[in-house]
C-alpha cells in the first residue's frame, strides 16, 4: 500500500510547478528560495510577506522536503535562465555613461 501526502494549501497540477491554492501566482519554489537564500523560518517568511498564511508556508516547505530534487531543479533552471538573460542584456544607459566617463 502506497500512501500519498496531501498538501491542502497547494495545487500540484501535472507538468506544472506546485503553487499556492489561494494565491496561484506564488509557487513553492519562490517560498523555498527565501528559506535557502536567507535561512528564514516560516514565521519570518510570514513577517516578510504578510499576504502569506503560516499554514501555506508550512505546506510549501513540507512539499519541498518531500520533493526536494524536483524543486531544486526548478530553482536551478530559473537561476540559469536569469543568468543567461542578464549576460545577454545590453548595458543600461547608466552603465554606458559611467564607462564613457572612465568610472567603470
Protein backbone atom coordinates (compact mmCIF):
# COMPACT_ATOMS: atom_id res chain seq x y z
CA UNK A 1 0.00 0.00 0.00
CA UNK A 2 1.38 3.38 -1.05
CA UNK A 3 0.48 6.48 0.90
CA UNK A 4 0.39 9.88 -0.72
CA UNK A 5 0.74 13.06 1.28
CA UNK A 6 -1.93 15.70 0.93
CA UNK A 7 -0.94 19.34 0.73
CA UNK A 8 -4.23 21.14 1.40
CA UNK A 9 -2.97 24.64 0.61
CA UNK A 10 -1.23 23.71 -2.63
CA UNK A 11 -2.24 23.00 -6.20
CA UNK A 12 0.05 20.48 -7.85
CA UNK A 13 -1.06 20.31 -11.49
CA UNK A 14 0.68 17.63 -13.55
CA UNK A 15 3.52 19.10 -15.59
CA UNK A 16 3.42 22.47 -13.80
CA UNK A 17 5.10 23.98 -10.79
CA UNK A 18 3.31 23.43 -7.49
CA UNK A 19 1.72 26.64 -6.27
CA UNK A 20 -0.46 28.06 -3.54
CA UNK A 21 -4.16 27.40 -3.99
CA UNK A 22 -5.26 30.78 -2.61
CA UNK A 23 -2.54 32.75 -4.43
CA UNK A 24 -1.79 30.80 -7.62
CA UNK A 25 0.91 33.21 -8.79
CA UNK A 26 3.09 32.15 -5.84
CA UNK A 27 4.99 28.94 -6.48
CA UNK A 28 6.52 26.62 -3.90
CA UNK A 29 9.95 27.35 -5.43
CA UNK A 30 9.57 31.05 -4.63
CA UNK A 31 8.84 30.34 -0.98
CA UNK A 32 11.69 27.85 -0.78
CA UNK A 33 14.08 30.41 -2.26
CA UNK A 34 13.55 32.61 0.81
CA UNK A 35 14.37 29.64 3.00
CA UNK A 36 17.51 28.76 1.03
CA UNK A 37 18.76 32.31 0.44
CA UNK A 38 18.02 33.85 3.82
CA UNK A 39 17.51 30.91 6.16
CA UNK A 40 14.13 32.33 7.12
CA UNK A 41 11.77 30.37 9.33
CA UNK A 42 8.08 30.09 8.49
CA UNK A 43 7.34 32.89 10.96
CA UNK A 44 9.94 35.17 9.36
CA UNK A 45 8.62 34.45 5.86
CA UNK A 46 5.16 35.46 7.04
CA UNK A 47 6.57 38.65 8.58
CA UNK A 48 8.39 39.50 5.36
CA UNK A 49 5.40 38.55 3.18
CA UNK A 50 2.27 39.41 5.19
CA UNK A 51 0.00 38.11 2.43
CA UNK A 52 1.17 34.54 3.18
CA UNK A 53 -0.55 32.44 5.83
CA UNK A 54 1.61 30.25 8.11
CA UNK A 55 -0.29 27.13 7.00
CA UNK A 56 0.52 27.93 3.36
CA UNK A 57 4.22 28.33 4.06
CA UNK A 58 4.29 25.15 6.16
CA UNK A 59 2.58 23.26 3.31
CA UNK A 60 5.07 24.66 0.80
CA UNK A 61 8.03 23.67 2.97
CA UNK A 62 6.58 20.19 3.57
CA UNK A 63 6.17 19.77 -0.18
CA UNK A 64 9.75 20.91 -0.70
CA UNK A 65 11.18 18.42 1.78
CA UNK A 66 9.10 15.64 0.20
CA UNK A 67 10.09 16.65 -3.38
CA UNK A 68 13.45 18.35 -2.88
CA UNK A 69 15.19 17.21 -6.11
CA UNK A 70 12.27 18.45 -8.24
CA UNK A 71 12.10 21.89 -6.58
CA UNK A 72 15.90 22.28 -6.51
CA UNK A 73 15.99 21.55 -10.26
CA UNK A 74 13.28 24.17 -10.86
CA UNK A 75 15.20 26.78 -8.86
CA UNK A 76 18.45 25.88 -10.65
CA UNK A 77 16.80 26.21 -14.09
CA UNK A 78 15.38 29.62 -13.18
CA UNK A 79 18.77 30.77 -11.90
CA UNK A 80 20.46 29.67 -15.13
CA UNK A 81 17.79 31.35 -17.25
CA UNK A 82 18.15 34.62 -15.31
CA UNK A 83 21.95 34.47 -15.53
CA UNK A 84 21.79 33.92 -19.28
CA UNK A 85 19.32 36.79 -19.74
CA UNK A 86 21.47 39.07 -17.60
CA UNK A 87 24.64 38.29 -19.58
CA UNK A 88 22.82 38.73 -22.92
CA UNK A 89 21.24 42.06 -21.97
CA UNK A 90 22.85 45.24 -23.22
CA UNK A 91 24.38 47.65 -20.73
CA UNK A 92 21.96 50.11 -19.18
CA UNK A 93 22.26 53.81 -20.07
CA UNK A 94 23.73 54.42 -16.60
CA UNK A 95 26.49 51.84 -17.13
CA UNK A 96 27.21 53.26 -20.59
CA UNK A 97 27.59 56.79 -19.13
CA UNK A 98 29.86 55.52 -16.38
CA UNK A 99 32.03 53.70 -18.95
CA UNK A 100 32.23 56.86 -21.09
CA UNK A 101 33.44 58.79 -18.04
CA UNK A 102 36.01 56.10 -17.31
CA UNK A 103 34.43 55.25 -13.97
CA UNK A 104 33.84 51.58 -14.90
